[in-house]
Structure formats: structure tokens, C-alpha cells
Amino acid sequence: MERDERRLGDRILMALELAVEQGNLTVAEPLAQALELSVTSFGGPDAVDHRGVPFRLLEALDRLDSLRHSEKIA
């Protein structure tokens, strides 16, 4: 599995995945916000980002949403 662990967003994504895996919504929520800030700040205000959204990111956000839903039910 190749990972460019030099990028801040990749490290935050790994931490988000771990927090969700452990069912820790208290930690996962701010990590998701930090990840959004990291991804959207790329290149400055006039930059156009041509990268697609990585499957890992979509999967982690889906799992976070499931965790949020399970916390509301409990």
C-alpha cells in the first residue's frame, strides 16, 4: 500500500481512520474538520486543484457518518 505520508492531509486521514475504527467520535470530529482545512487550503485562493477525491477519504467520511448515526441512536 503506497502512502505519501509527507503530506499533512494524509497523516490526518490516517488518524481519522483510526479514530473512527476505535469508535471515538470525540476525536474523529475535529480530525475531519482539520482534514477539510488541510485539503481546501492547497495552493492558495487562486489555485485550481485537479486531483480527484481519494477513495480512502470517501470511505473514512462514510464510516464517520455511520459512527455519528450510531451515537445518536445510543
Protein backbone atom coordinates (compact mmCIF):
# COMPACT_ATOMS: atom_id res chain seq x y z
CA MET A 1 0.00 0.00 0.00
CA GLU A 2 1.59 3.26 -1.08
CA ARG A 3 1.10 6.33 1.10
CA ASP A 4 2.68 9.72 0.73
CA GLU A 5 2.98 10.29 4.46
CA ARG A 6 4.82 13.57 3.97
CA ARG A 7 1.57 15.42 3.32
CA LEU A 8 -0.31 16.72 6.32
CA GLY A 9 -3.65 15.65 4.86
CA ASP A 10 -2.50 12.04 4.56
CA ARG A 11 -1.42 11.96 8.19
CA ILE A 12 -4.70 13.48 9.35
CA LEU A 13 -6.62 10.97 7.23
CA MET A 14 -4.73 8.09 8.87
CA ALA A 15 -5.58 9.49 12.32
CA LEU A 16 -9.23 9.94 11.29
CA GLU A 17 -9.41 6.35 10.08
CA LEU A 18 -8.00 5.14 13.40
CA ALA A 19 -10.37 7.28 15.48
CA VAL A 20 -13.37 6.00 13.52
CA GLU A 21 -12.12 2.42 13.77
CA GLN A 22 -11.94 2.84 17.55
CA GLY A 23 -15.40 4.42 17.63
CA ASN A 24 -14.04 7.67 19.09
CA LEU A 25 -16.39 10.34 17.74
CA THR A 26 -14.97 12.98 20.10
CA VAL A 27 -11.60 12.74 18.36
CA ALA A 28 -12.88 11.93 14.85
CA GLU A 29 -14.99 15.11 14.52
CA PRO A 30 -12.13 17.63 14.89
CA LEU A 31 -9.87 15.43 12.74
CA ALA A 32 -12.47 15.56 9.94
CA GLN A 33 -12.55 19.36 10.27
CA ALA A 34 -8.74 19.54 10.22
CA LEU A 35 -8.65 17.31 7.15
CA GLU A 36 -11.12 19.57 5.36
CA LEU A 37 -8.99 22.62 6.18
CA SER A 38 -5.85 20.85 5.03
CA VAL A 39 -7.33 19.72 1.72
CA THR A 40 -9.05 23.01 0.87
CA SER A 41 -6.03 25.20 1.70
CA PHE A 42 -3.90 23.61 -1.05
CA GLY A 43 -2.26 26.18 -3.33
CA GLY A 44 -3.88 29.36 -2.08
CA PRO A 45 -7.06 31.21 -3.09
CA ASP A 46 -6.47 31.26 -6.87
CA ALA A 47 -5.26 27.68 -7.22
CA VAL A 48 -7.29 25.09 -9.09
CA ASP A 49 -6.99 21.60 -7.70
CA HIS A 50 -7.32 18.94 -10.39
CA ARG A 51 -6.95 15.96 -8.07
CA GLY A 52 -9.88 13.66 -7.57
CA VAL A 53 -11.19 12.77 -4.15
CA PRO A 54 -9.34 9.67 -2.93
CA PHE A 55 -11.46 6.59 -2.23
CA ARG A 56 -9.90 6.32 1.24
CA LEU A 57 -11.19 9.78 2.11
CA LEU A 58 -14.71 8.99 0.92
CA GLU A 59 -14.67 5.71 2.80
CA ALA A 60 -13.47 7.35 6.02
CA LEU A 61 -16.17 10.02 5.78
CA ASP A 62 -18.84 7.37 5.18
CA ARG A 63 -17.64 5.47 8.24
CA LEU A 64 -17.63 8.72 10.26
CA ASP A 65 -21.21 9.36 9.20
CA SER A 66 -22.18 5.84 10.31
CA LEU A 67 -20.47 6.45 13.66
CA ARG A 68 -22.38 9.73 14.07
CA HIS A 69 -25.63 7.93 13.35
CA SER A 70 -24.90 5.12 15.81
CA GLU A 71 -24.06 7.69 18.52
CA LYS A 72 -27.44 9.42 18.04
CA ILE A 73 -29.29 6.13 18.45
CA ALA A 74 -27.41 5.12 21.62
